[in-house]
Amino acid sequence: MMDILQIVLSESFWAASLRIATPLIFGVLGALLCERAGVLNLGIEGIFVVGAMSGWMAVWLGAGLWGGVLVAAFAGALFGLIHAILTVPLGLSQHVSGLGVTLFATSASYFAYRTALPNVTSPPRIEPFGALDIPILSDLPFLGPVLFQQTALTWLAILMVAIVWYVLNRTALGVAIKAVGDNPASIDAQGLSVYGLRIGAVVAGSALMALGGAFLTMSAFDAFFFGMVNGRGWICIALVIFASWRPGKALLGALLFGAFDALQVRLQTEVGAFLPSQVFLAAPFVLSIIALVIAARSADYPRALLTPWFKGQR
């Protein structure tokens, strides 16, 4: 027990937790934005994959790191647009469309990878984002290693939490997005475009999701390989419910899962000889499910989520 307490109180543990949480922060914010507008986006897993592959590929081809970030965001937005067109004006099943986008995006990413690198057995390496070293702040006890020695994409994720919160809670656009997810008829009655708001939210949310994938290849690792997303998109869908569709709680949920994951890695070295490794690998997901069940009982979900709306409908 004392060893676990020492792990949880260590700087390296919380620094690792924030790194692990970063792609989830992007993904949860993206899913939250979609669902606030009334659209469930189960394409998130595939959008993670296409963001990881396209961002890495762009950097490998010479676009630069920030160029790769923009390419990843554009690729995610493109697949988000496909999902939005199918589910908003056409009113098709959001579940089926989302799963179709996941399959399409994942397959397209692997196809593009194999087409560009047909004879490569191991993926080429890129120079990823390095940890920022902020003078004075990086030397602060505890906060220095945890916050001020992260990469630029981690800081971008934290900044996006503040931006999404501000847009949703302090702007007319945010009020309209939340209203279109609760009562689209009221938005139509005010002369605003229900289709435009929902499509815009899905496209913007999908761009954010793709940045979660880009983090994996351009910050956490330095290459793209199959299976690297490893279910993070599905975790983000669950974390949105845990967060009650609020950006601040979304950050908390992502950090909580990151802490569970960082803890299981460290526990394997402490008691791994007594328990199978699968127990530790499953632990973050089991703990997340427990937290989700507790939080979901009081979740205030968007009232028009999953409900298609058509012009002239009353």
C-alpha atoms as a PDB file:
ATOM      1  CA  MET A   1       0.000   0.000   0.000  1.00  0.00           C
ATOM      2  CA  MET A   2       2.847   2.358   0.839  1.00  0.00           C
ATOM      3  CA  ASP A   3       4.430   1.669  -2.563  1.00  0.00           C
ATOM      4  CA  ILE A   4       1.165   2.568  -4.320  1.00  0.00           C
ATOM      5  CA  LEU A   5       0.930   5.796  -2.313  1.00  0.00           C
ATOM      6  CA  GLN A   6       4.474   6.704  -3.278  1.00  0.00           C
ATOM      7  CA  ILE A   7       3.647   6.066  -6.941  1.00  0.00           C
ATOM      8  CA  VAL A   8       0.510   8.224  -6.853  1.00  0.00           C
ATOM      9  CA  LEU A   9       2.328  11.099  -5.170  1.00  0.00           C
ATOM     10  CA  SER A  10       5.278  11.079  -7.563  1.00  0.00           C
ATOM     11  CA  GLU A  11       5.877  13.729 -10.227  1.00  0.00           C
ATOM     12  CA  SER A  12       6.560  11.153 -12.931  1.00  0.00           C
ATOM     13  CA  PHE A  13       3.202   9.466 -12.333  1.00  0.00           C
ATOM     14  CA  TRP A  14       1.174  12.627 -12.919  1.00  0.00           C
ATOM     15  CA  ALA A  15       3.337  13.694 -15.847  1.00  0.00           C
ATOM     16  CA  ALA A  16       2.678  10.309 -17.463  1.00  0.00           C
ATOM     17  CA  SER A  17      -1.037  10.566 -16.626  1.00  0.00           C
ATOM     18  CA  LEU A  18      -1.299  13.879 -18.475  1.00  0.00           C
ATOM     19  CA  ARG A  19       0.564  12.488 -21.495  1.00  0.00           C
ATOM     20  CA  ILE A  20      -1.712   9.458 -21.649  1.00  0.00           C
ATOM     21  CA  ALA A  21      -4.775  11.682 -21.228  1.00  0.00           C
ATOM     22  CA  THR A  22      -3.858  14.108 -24.033  1.00  0.00           C
ATOM     23  CA  PRO A  23      -5.299  12.163 -27.007  1.00  0.00           C
ATOM     24  CA  LEU A  24      -8.386  11.416 -24.912  1.00  0.00           C
ATOM     25  CA  ILE A  25      -8.860  15.126 -24.199  1.00  0.00           C
ATOM     26  CA  PHE A  26      -8.967  15.866 -27.928  1.00  0.00           C
ATOM     27  CA  GLY A  27     -11.314  12.939 -28.535  1.00  0.00           C
ATOM     28  CA  VAL A  28     -13.707  13.714 -25.680  1.00  0.00           C
ATOM     29  CA  LEU A  29     -13.959  17.380 -26.699  1.00  0.00           C
ATOM     30  CA  GLY A  30     -14.691  16.359 -30.285  1.00  0.00           C
ATOM     31  CA  ALA A  31     -17.357  13.834 -29.280  1.00  0.00           C
ATOM     32  CA  LEU A  32     -18.842  16.317 -26.815  1.00  0.00           C
ATOM     33  CA  LEU A  33     -19.169  18.977 -29.515  1.00  0.00           C
ATOM     34  CA  CYS A  34     -20.912  16.549 -31.871  1.00  0.00           C
ATOM     35  CA  GLU A  35     -23.297  15.275 -29.229  1.00  0.00           C
ATOM     36  CA  ARG A  36     -24.098  18.748 -27.909  1.00  0.00           C
ATOM     37  CA  ALA A  37     -25.473  19.421 -31.383  1.00  0.00           C
ATOM     38  CA  GLY A  38     -27.528  16.216 -31.286  1.00  0.00           C
ATOM     39  CA  VAL A  39     -25.294  13.902 -33.357  1.00  0.00           C
ATOM     40  CA  LEU A  40     -23.597  10.786 -32.004  1.00  0.00           C
ATOM     41  CA  ASN A  41     -20.308  10.237 -33.829  1.00  0.00           C
ATOM     42  CA  LEU A  42     -19.237   6.606 -33.600  1.00  0.00           C
ATOM     43  CA  GLY A  43     -16.773   7.325 -36.387  1.00  0.00           C
ATOM     44  CA  ILE A  44     -14.345   8.519 -33.712  1.00  0.00           C
ATOM     45  CA  GLU A  45     -12.211   5.356 -33.668  1.00  0.00           C
ATOM     46  CA  GLY A  46     -11.593   5.535 -37.405  1.00  0.00           C
ATOM     47  CA  ILE A  47     -11.070   9.300 -37.273  1.00  0.00           C
ATOM     48  CA  PHE A  48      -8.370   8.723 -34.647  1.00  0.00           C
ATOM     49  CA  VAL A  49      -6.679   6.320 -37.052  1.00  0.00           C
ATOM     50  CA  VAL A  50      -6.884   8.656 -40.053  1.00  0.00           C
ATOM     51  CA  GLY A  51      -5.586  11.548 -37.946  1.00  0.00           C
ATOM     52  CA  ALA A  52      -2.637   9.467 -36.760  1.00  0.00           C
ATOM     53  CA  MET A  53      -1.750   8.229 -40.244  1.00  0.00           C
ATOM     54  CA  SER A  54      -2.305  11.458 -42.221  1.00  0.00           C
ATOM     55  CA  GLY A  55      -0.471  13.663 -39.721  1.00  0.00           C
ATOM     56  CA  TRP A  56       2.513  11.324 -39.585  1.00  0.00           C
ATOM     57  CA  MET A  57       2.539  10.886 -43.368  1.00  0.00           C
ATOM     58  CA  ALA A  58       2.455  14.658 -43.933  1.00  0.00           C
ATOM     59  CA  VAL A  59       5.439  15.166 -41.629  1.00  0.00           C
ATOM     60  CA  TRP A  60       7.331  12.307 -43.274  1.00  0.00           C
ATOM     61  CA  LEU A  61       6.717  13.929 -46.677  1.00  0.00           C
ATOM     62  CA  GLY A  62       8.154  17.227 -45.427  1.00  0.00           C
ATOM     63  CA  ALA A  63       5.147  19.267 -44.273  1.00  0.00           C
ATOM     64  CA  GLY A  64       6.618  19.973 -40.836  1.00  0.00           C
ATOM     65  CA  LEU A  65       5.089  19.147 -37.481  1.00  0.00           C
ATOM     66  CA  TRP A  66       2.455  21.902 -37.445  1.00  0.00           C
ATOM     67  CA  GLY A  67       1.726  21.178 -41.092  1.00  0.00           C
ATOM     68  CA  GLY A  68       1.057  17.594 -40.050  1.00  0.00           C
ATOM     69  CA  VAL A  69      -1.323  18.820 -37.340  1.00  0.00           C
ATOM     70  CA  LEU A  70      -3.282  20.820 -39.926  1.00  0.00           C
ATOM     71  CA  VAL A  71      -3.400  17.874 -42.346  1.00  0.00           C
ATOM     72  CA  ALA A  72      -4.678  15.589 -39.585  1.00  0.00           C
ATOM     73  CA  ALA A  73      -7.373  18.089 -38.594  1.00  0.00           C
ATOM     74  CA  PHE A  74      -8.442  18.463 -42.243  1.00  0.00           C
ATOM     75  CA  ALA A  75      -8.621  14.683 -42.719  1.00  0.00           C
ATOM     76  CA  GLY A  76     -10.735  14.328 -39.592  1.00  0.00           C
ATOM     77  CA  ALA A  77     -13.016  17.151 -40.714  1.00  0.00           C
ATOM     78  CA  LEU A  78     -13.473  15.463 -44.098  1.00  0.00           C
ATOM     79  CA  PHE A  79     -14.660  12.189 -42.562  1.00  0.00           C
ATOM     80  CA  GLY A  80     -16.779  14.167 -40.123  1.00  0.00           C
ATOM     81  CA  LEU A  81     -18.428  15.879 -43.084  1.00  0.00           C
ATOM     82  CA  ILE A  82     -19.295  12.476 -44.568  1.00  0.00           C
ATOM     83  CA  HIS A  83     -20.913  11.426 -41.298  1.00  0.00           C
ATOM     84  CA  ALA A  84     -22.728  14.769 -40.978  1.00  0.00           C
ATOM     85  CA  ILE A  85     -24.208  14.636 -44.499  1.00  0.00           C
ATOM     86  CA  LEU A  86     -25.446  11.092 -43.956  1.00  0.00           C
ATOM     87  CA  THR A  87     -27.024  11.778 -40.565  1.00  0.00           C
ATOM     88  CA  VAL A  88     -28.191  15.412 -40.637  1.00  0.00           C
ATOM     89  CA  PRO A  89     -29.903  16.280 -43.958  1.00  0.00           C
ATOM     90  CA  LEU A  90     -30.414  12.634 -44.970  1.00  0.00           C
ATOM     91  CA  GLY A  91     -31.437  11.536 -41.477  1.00  0.00           C
ATOM     92  CA  LEU A  92     -29.800   8.103 -41.642  1.00  0.00           C
ATOM     93  CA  SER A  93     -29.020   6.087 -38.524  1.00  0.00           C
ATOM     94  CA  GLN A  94     -26.260   7.769 -36.558  1.00  0.00           C
ATOM     95  CA  HIS A  95     -25.099   4.425 -35.187  1.00  0.00           C
ATOM     96  CA  VAL A  96     -24.791   2.773 -38.589  1.00  0.00           C
ATOM     97  CA  SER A  97     -23.234   5.818 -40.248  1.00  0.00           C
ATOM     98  CA  GLY A  98     -20.698   6.240 -37.443  1.00  0.00           C
ATOM     99  CA  LEU A  99     -19.615   2.613 -37.537  1.00  0.00           C
ATOM    100  CA  GLY A 100     -19.395   2.850 -41.328  1.00  0.00           C
ATOM    101  CA  VAL A 101     -17.146   5.910 -41.048  1.00  0.00           C
ATOM    102  CA  THR A 102     -14.924   4.058 -38.572  1.00  0.00           C
ATOM    103  CA  LEU A 103     -14.536   1.123 -40.959  1.00  0.00           C
ATOM    104  CA  PHE A 104     -14.039   3.393 -43.978  1.00  0.00           C
ATOM    105  CA  ALA A 105     -11.524   5.702 -42.299  1.00  0.00           C
ATOM    106  CA  THR A 106      -9.536   2.817 -40.822  1.00  0.00           C
ATOM    107  CA  SER A 107      -9.435   0.896 -44.098  1.00  0.00           C
ATOM    108  CA  ALA A 108      -8.574   4.019 -46.107  1.00  0.00           C
ATOM    109  CA  SER A 109      -5.713   4.801 -43.715  1.00  0.00           C
ATOM    110  CA  TYR A 110      -4.234   1.315 -43.960  1.00  0.00           C
ATOM    111  CA  PHE A 111      -4.687   1.302 -47.730  1.00  0.00           C
ATOM    112  CA  ALA A 112      -2.923   4.673 -48.074  1.00  0.00           C
ATOM    113  CA  TYR A 113      -0.105   3.455 -45.844  1.00  0.00           C
ATOM    114  CA  ARG A 114       0.431   0.272 -47.829  1.00  0.00           C
ATOM    115  CA  THR A 115       0.172   2.125 -51.140  1.00  0.00           C
ATOM    116  CA  ALA A 116       2.756   4.720 -50.111  1.00  0.00           C
ATOM    117  CA  LEU A 117       5.073   2.183 -48.448  1.00  0.00           C
ATOM    118  CA  PRO A 118       4.432  -1.173 -50.149  1.00  0.00           C
ATOM    119  CA  ASN A 119       7.746  -2.831 -49.323  1.00  0.00           C
ATOM    120  CA  VAL A 120       8.447  -1.378 -45.881  1.00  0.00           C
ATOM    121  CA  THR A 121       8.509  -3.824 -42.974  1.00  0.00           C
ATOM    122  CA  SER A 122       8.893  -1.166 -40.267  1.00  0.00           C
ATOM    123  CA  PRO A 123       7.445   2.385 -40.567  1.00  0.00           C
ATOM    124  CA  PRO A 124       9.817   5.295 -41.192  1.00  0.00           C
ATOM    125  CA  ARG A 125      10.550   7.467 -38.186  1.00  0.00           C
ATOM    126  CA  ILE A 126       9.909  11.190 -37.924  1.00  0.00           C
ATOM    127  CA  GLU A 127      11.196  13.786 -35.493  1.00  0.00           C
ATOM    128  CA  PRO A 128       8.219  14.239 -33.125  1.00  0.00           C
ATOM    129  CA  PHE A 129       7.276  17.175 -30.931  1.00  0.00           C
ATOM    130  CA  GLY A 130       9.741  17.455 -28.082  1.00  0.00           C
ATOM    131  CA  ALA A 131       8.966  18.345 -24.487  1.00  0.00           C
ATOM    132  CA  LEU A 132       8.829  22.090 -23.919  1.00  0.00           C
ATOM    133  CA  ASP A 133      11.355  23.460 -21.474  1.00  0.00           C
ATOM    134  CA  ILE A 134       9.883  26.695 -20.110  1.00  0.00           C
ATOM    135  CA  PRO A 135      12.451  28.738 -18.148  1.00  0.00           C
ATOM    136  CA  ILE A 136      11.759  29.015 -14.415  1.00  0.00           C
ATOM    137  CA  LEU A 137       8.384  27.254 -14.697  1.00  0.00           C
ATOM    138  CA  SER A 138       9.975  23.950 -15.725  1.00  0.00           C
ATOM    139  CA  ASP A 139      12.107  24.051 -12.569  1.00  0.00           C
ATOM    140  CA  LEU A 140       9.176  24.434 -10.190  1.00  0.00           C
ATOM    141  CA  PRO A 141       8.804  21.518  -7.755  1.00  0.00           C
ATOM    142  CA  PHE A 142       6.105  19.037  -8.827  1.00  0.00           C
ATOM    143  CA  LEU A 143       4.296  21.410 -11.236  1.00  0.00           C
ATOM    144  CA  GLY A 144       7.420  21.838 -13.355  1.00  0.00           C
ATOM    145  CA  PRO A 145       7.759  18.199 -14.500  1.00  0.00           C
ATOM    146  CA  VAL A 146       3.988  17.608 -14.564  1.00  0.00           C
ATOM    147  CA  LEU A 147       2.823  20.672 -16.511  1.00  0.00           C
ATOM    148  CA  PHE A 148       5.732  22.580 -17.955  1.00  0.00           C
ATOM    149  CA  GLN A 149       7.739  19.765 -19.524  1.00  0.00           C
ATOM    150  CA  GLN A 150       4.962  18.476 -21.780  1.00  0.00           C
ATOM    151  CA  THR A 151       4.844  18.762 -25.570  1.00  0.00           C
ATOM    152  CA  ALA A 152       3.081  21.528 -27.469  1.00  0.00           C
ATOM    153  CA  LEU A 153       0.165  19.243 -28.372  1.00  0.00           C
ATOM    154  CA  THR A 154      -0.603  18.624 -24.702  1.00  0.00           C
ATOM    155  CA  TRP A 155      -0.797  22.371 -24.159  1.00  0.00           C
ATOM    156  CA  LEU A 156      -2.964  22.660 -27.268  1.00  0.00           C
ATOM    157  CA  ALA A 157      -5.348  20.059 -25.797  1.00  0.00           C
ATOM    158  CA  ILE A 158      -5.623  22.016 -22.539  1.00  0.00           C
ATOM    159  CA  LEU A 159      -6.161  25.233 -24.499  1.00  0.00           C
ATOM    160  CA  MET A 160      -8.929  23.569 -26.512  1.00  0.00           C
ATOM    161  CA  VAL A 161     -10.743  22.688 -23.278  1.00  0.00           C
ATOM    162  CA  ALA A 162     -10.847  26.388 -22.411  1.00  0.00           C
ATOM    163  CA  ILE A 163     -11.880  27.386 -25.946  1.00  0.00           C
ATOM    164  CA  VAL A 164     -14.690  24.813 -26.189  1.00  0.00           C
ATOM    165  CA  TRP A 165     -15.942  25.788 -22.719  1.00  0.00           C
ATOM    166  CA  TYR A 166     -15.922  29.470 -23.652  1.00  0.00           C
ATOM    167  CA  VAL A 167     -17.685  28.913 -26.975  1.00  0.00           C
ATOM    168  CA  LEU A 168     -20.405  26.725 -25.455  1.00  0.00           C
ATOM    169  CA  ASN A 169     -21.033  28.860 -22.388  1.00  0.00           C
ATOM    170  CA  ARG A 170     -20.169  32.432 -23.312  1.00  0.00           C
ATOM    171  CA  THR A 171     -21.092  32.906 -26.955  1.00  0.00           C
ATOM    172  CA  ALA A 172     -24.288  33.026 -29.009  1.00  0.00           C
ATOM    173  CA  LEU A 173     -22.888  30.244 -31.191  1.00  0.00           C
ATOM    174  CA  GLY A 174     -22.530  27.995 -28.151  1.00  0.00           C
ATOM    175  CA  VAL A 175     -26.099  28.699 -27.063  1.00  0.00           C
ATOM    176  CA  ALA A 176     -27.296  27.806 -30.571  1.00  0.00           C
ATOM    177  CA  ILE A 177     -25.261  24.562 -30.610  1.00  0.00           C
ATOM    178  CA  LYS A 178     -26.704  23.450 -27.278  1.00  0.00           C
ATOM    179  CA  ALA A 179     -30.204  24.463 -28.343  1.00  0.00           C
ATOM    180  CA  VAL A 180     -30.006  22.513 -31.594  1.00  0.00           C
ATOM    181  CA  GLY A 181     -29.079  19.443 -29.547  1.00  0.00           C
ATOM    182  CA  ASP A 182     -32.038  19.928 -27.209  1.00  0.00           C
ATOM    183  CA  ASN A 183     -34.791  21.457 -29.324  1.00  0.00           C
ATOM    184  CA  PRO A 184     -33.922  21.928 -33.013  1.00  0.00           C
ATOM    185  CA  ALA A 185     -37.432  23.227 -33.794  1.00  0.00           C
ATOM    186  CA  SER A 186     -36.749  26.282 -31.612  1.00  0.00           C
ATOM    187  CA  ILE A 187     -33.606  27.035 -33.623  1.00  0.00           C
ATOM    188  CA  ASP A 188     -35.526  26.723 -36.887  1.00  0.00           C
ATOM    189  CA  ALA A 189     -38.229  29.047 -35.526  1.00  0.00           C
ATOM    190  CA  GLN A 190     -35.566  31.720 -34.956  1.00  0.00           C
ATOM    191  CA  GLY A 191     -34.505  31.528 -38.589  1.00  0.00           C
ATOM    192  CA  LEU A 192     -31.219  29.715 -37.887  1.00  0.00           C
ATOM    193  CA  SER A 193     -30.074  26.682 -39.836  1.00  0.00           C
ATOM    194  CA  VAL A 194     -30.419  23.444 -37.919  1.00  0.00           C
ATOM    195  CA  TYR A 195     -28.532  21.611 -40.659  1.00  0.00           C
ATOM    196  CA  GLY A 196     -25.738  24.182 -40.729  1.00  0.00           C
ATOM    197  CA  LEU A 197     -25.211  24.136 -36.955  1.00  0.00           C
ATOM    198  CA  ARG A 198     -25.224  20.362 -36.703  1.00  0.00           C
ATOM    199  CA  ILE A 199     -22.963  19.823 -39.695  1.00  0.00           C
ATOM    200  CA  GLY A 200     -20.552  22.515 -38.483  1.00  0.00           C
ATOM    201  CA  ALA A 201     -20.395  20.987 -34.994  1.00  0.00           C
ATOM    202  CA  VAL A 202     -19.728  17.484 -36.362  1.00  0.00           C
ATOM    203  CA  VAL A 203     -17.021  18.720 -38.728  1.00  0.00           C
ATOM    204  CA  ALA A 204     -15.292  20.752 -35.989  1.00  0.00           C
ATOM    205  CA  GLY A 205     -15.635  17.910 -33.485  1.00  0.00           C
ATOM    206  CA  SER A 206     -14.179  15.405 -35.944  1.00  0.00           C
ATOM    207  CA  ALA A 207     -11.193  17.684 -36.564  1.00  0.00           C
ATOM    208  CA  LEU A 208     -10.533  17.657 -32.814  1.00  0.00           C
ATOM    209  CA  MET A 209     -10.819  13.859 -32.725  1.00  0.00           C
ATOM    210  CA  ALA A 210      -8.198  13.567 -35.467  1.00  0.00           C
ATOM    211  CA  LEU A 211      -5.783  15.642 -33.387  1.00  0.00           C
ATOM    212  CA  GLY A 212      -5.989  12.920 -30.742  1.00  0.00           C
ATOM    213  CA  GLY A 213      -4.707  10.470 -33.330  1.00  0.00           C
ATOM    214  CA  ALA A 214      -2.057  12.933 -34.510  1.00  0.00           C
ATOM    215  CA  PHE A 215      -0.745  13.165 -30.944  1.00  0.00           C
ATOM    216  CA  LEU A 216      -0.015   9.437 -30.972  1.00  0.00           C
ATOM    217  CA  THR A 217       2.236   9.542 -34.047  1.00  0.00           C
ATOM    218  CA  MET A 218       3.684  13.037 -33.651  1.00  0.00           C
ATOM    219  CA  SER A 219       4.218  13.328 -29.907  1.00  0.00           C
ATOM    220  CA  ALA A 220       3.779  10.056 -28.005  1.00  0.00           C
ATOM    221  CA  PHE A 221       5.559   8.013 -30.701  1.00  0.00           C
ATOM    222  CA  ASP A 222       7.459   8.831 -33.884  1.00  0.00           C
ATOM    223  CA  ALA A 223       5.779   6.496 -36.396  1.00  0.00           C
ATOM    224  CA  PHE A 224       2.444   5.046 -37.460  1.00  0.00           C
ATOM    225  CA  PHE A 225       1.703   1.382 -36.904  1.00  0.00           C
ATOM    226  CA  PHE A 226      -1.440  -0.726 -37.054  1.00  0.00           C
ATOM    227  CA  GLY A 227      -3.461  -1.012 -33.874  1.00  0.00           C
ATOM    228  CA  MET A 228      -1.908   1.989 -32.167  1.00  0.00           C
ATOM    229  CA  VAL A 229      -5.255   3.687 -31.480  1.00  0.00           C
ATOM    230  CA  ASN A 230      -6.262   0.624 -29.448  1.00  0.00           C
ATOM    231  CA  GLY A 231      -9.844   1.573 -28.588  1.00  0.00           C
ATOM    232  CA  ARG A 232      -9.177   5.130 -27.428  1.00  0.00           C
ATOM    233  CA  GLY A 233     -12.068   6.399 -29.524  1.00  0.00           C
ATOM    234  CA  TRP A 234     -14.552   4.152 -27.738  1.00  0.00           C
ATOM    235  CA  ILE A 235     -13.179   5.267 -24.380  1.00  0.00           C
ATOM    236  CA  CYS A 236     -13.854   8.879 -25.413  1.00  0.00           C
ATOM    237  CA  ILE A 237     -17.498   8.078 -26.174  1.00  0.00           C
ATOM    238  CA  ALA A 238     -17.866   6.705 -22.641  1.00  0.00           C
ATOM    239  CA  LEU A 239     -16.010   9.640 -21.100  1.00  0.00           C
ATOM    240  CA  VAL A 240     -18.455  12.101 -22.671  1.00  0.00           C
ATOM    241  CA  ILE A 241     -21.214  10.534 -20.588  1.00  0.00           C
ATOM    242  CA  PHE A 242     -18.976  10.626 -17.516  1.00  0.00           C
ATOM    243  CA  ALA A 243     -18.395  14.326 -18.219  1.00  0.00           C
ATOM    244  CA  SER A 244     -22.129  15.064 -18.534  1.00  0.00           C
ATOM    245  CA  TRP A 245     -21.296  16.862 -21.800  1.00  0.00           C
ATOM    246  CA  ARG A 246     -19.235  19.521 -19.982  1.00  0.00           C
ATOM    247  CA  PRO A 247     -15.689  20.424 -21.141  1.00  0.00           C
ATOM    248  CA  GLY A 248     -14.287  20.830 -17.622  1.00  0.00           C
ATOM    249  CA  LYS A 249     -15.481  17.392 -16.529  1.00  0.00           C
ATOM    250  CA  ALA A 250     -14.260  15.996 -19.854  1.00  0.00           C
ATOM    251  CA  LEU A 251     -10.738  17.072 -18.893  1.00  0.00           C
ATOM    252  CA  LEU A 252     -11.194  15.470 -15.469  1.00  0.00           C
ATOM    253  CA  GLY A 253     -12.448  12.209 -17.004  1.00  0.00           C
ATOM    254  CA  ALA A 254      -9.531  12.006 -19.438  1.00  0.00           C
ATOM    255  CA  LEU A 255      -7.057  12.630 -16.617  1.00  0.00           C
ATOM    256  CA  LEU A 256      -8.768   9.983 -14.492  1.00  0.00           C
ATOM    257  CA  PHE A 257      -8.396   7.351 -17.203  1.00  0.00           C
ATOM    258  CA  GLY A 258      -4.815   8.494 -17.832  1.00  0.00           C
ATOM    259  CA  ALA A 259      -4.065   8.049 -14.139  1.00  0.00           C
ATOM    260  CA  PHE A 260      -5.585   4.552 -14.121  1.00  0.00           C
ATOM    261  CA  ASP A 261      -3.493   3.601 -17.146  1.00  0.00           C
ATOM    262  CA  ALA A 262      -0.280   5.064 -15.728  1.00  0.00           C
ATOM    263  CA  LEU A 263      -0.915   3.276 -12.450  1.00  0.00           C
ATOM    264  CA  GLN A 264      -1.383  -0.146 -14.057  1.00  0.00           C
ATOM    265  CA  VAL A 265       1.951   0.170 -15.850  1.00  0.00           C
ATOM    266  CA  ARG A 266       3.719   0.886 -12.582  1.00  0.00           C
ATOM    267  CA  LEU A 267       1.844  -1.781 -10.643  1.00  0.00           C
ATOM    268  CA  GLN A 268       3.023  -4.412 -13.115  1.00  0.00           C
ATOM    269  CA  THR A 269       6.590  -3.797 -11.969  1.00  0.00           C
ATOM    270  CA  GLU A 270       5.563  -3.957  -8.310  1.00  0.00           C
ATOM    271  CA  VAL A 271       3.317  -7.032  -8.192  1.00  0.00           C
ATOM    272  CA  GLY A 272       3.496  -8.334 -11.746  1.00  0.00           C
ATOM    273  CA  ALA A 273       5.075 -11.562 -10.594  1.00  0.00           C
ATOM    274  CA  PHE A 274       1.924 -12.498  -8.654  1.00  0.00           C
ATOM    275  CA  LEU A 275      -0.820 -11.578 -11.135  1.00  0.00           C
ATOM    276  CA  PRO A 276      -1.228 -12.033 -14.913  1.00  0.00           C
ATOM    277  CA  SER A 277      -0.447  -8.947 -16.996  1.00  0.00           C
ATOM    278  CA  GLN A 278      -3.986  -9.004 -18.439  1.00  0.00           C
ATOM    279  CA  VAL A 279      -5.349  -8.051 -15.018  1.00  0.00           C
ATOM    280  CA  PHE A 280      -3.377  -4.804 -15.102  1.00  0.00           C
ATOM    281  CA  LEU A 281      -4.231  -4.074 -18.731  1.00  0.00           C
ATOM    282  CA  ALA A 282      -7.940  -4.466 -17.995  1.00  0.00           C
ATOM    283  CA  ALA A 283      -7.854  -2.430 -14.774  1.00  0.00           C
ATOM    284  CA  PRO A 284      -8.137   1.077 -16.349  1.00  0.00           C
ATOM    285  CA  PHE A 285     -11.171  -0.017 -18.374  1.00  0.00           C
ATOM    286  CA  VAL A 286     -12.876  -1.674 -15.389  1.00  0.00           C
ATOM    287  CA  LEU A 287     -12.303   1.366 -13.185  1.00  0.00           C
ATOM    288  CA  SER A 288     -13.540   3.655 -15.974  1.00  0.00           C
ATOM    289  CA  ILE A 289     -16.725   1.582 -16.327  1.00  0.00           C
ATOM    290  CA  ILE A 290     -17.352   1.876 -12.575  1.00  0.00           C
ATOM    291  CA  ALA A 291     -16.826   5.650 -12.698  1.00  0.00           C
ATOM    292  CA  LEU A 292     -19.068   5.858 -15.779  1.00  0.00           C
ATOM    293  CA  VAL A 293     -21.904   3.948 -14.104  1.00  0.00           C
ATOM    294  CA  ILE A 294     -21.745   6.229 -11.081  1.00  0.00           C
ATOM    295  CA  ALA A 295     -21.679   9.423 -13.140  1.00  0.00           C
ATOM    296  CA  ALA A 296     -24.240   8.352 -15.767  1.00  0.00           C
ATOM    297  CA  ARG A 297     -27.054   8.193 -13.201  1.00  0.00           C
ATOM    298  CA  SER A 298     -27.090  11.988 -12.967  1.00  0.00           C
ATOM    299  CA  ALA A 299     -26.051  12.795 -16.558  1.00  0.00           C
ATOM    300  CA  ASP A 300     -28.096  15.507 -18.291  1.00  0.00           C
ATOM    301  CA  TYR A 301     -27.941  14.365 -21.907  1.00  0.00           C
ATOM    302  CA  PRO A 302     -28.930  16.499 -24.946  1.00  0.00           C
ATOM    303  CA  ARG A 303     -32.644  15.877 -25.459  1.00  0.00           C
ATOM    304  CA  ALA A 304     -32.474  15.611 -29.259  1.00  0.00           C
ATOM    305  CA  LEU A 305     -29.407  13.357 -29.348  1.00  0.00           C
ATOM    306  CA  LEU A 306     -29.825  10.614 -31.984  1.00  0.00           C
ATOM    307  CA  THR A 307     -33.074  12.209 -33.177  1.00  0.00           C
ATOM    308  CA  PRO A 308     -33.090  13.227 -36.868  1.00  0.00           C
ATOM    309  CA  TRP A 309     -34.750  16.526 -37.788  1.00  0.00           C
ATOM    310  CA  PHE A 310     -36.159  17.556 -41.152  1.00  0.00           C
ATOM    311  CA  LYS A 311     -37.004  20.991 -42.466  1.00  0.00           C
ATOM    312  CA  GLY A 312     -40.665  21.817 -41.874  1.00  0.00           C
ATOM    313  CA  GLN A 313     -41.013  19.180 -39.157  1.00  0.00           C
ATOM    314  CA  ARG A 314     -43.092  20.127 -36.113  1.00  0.00           C
END
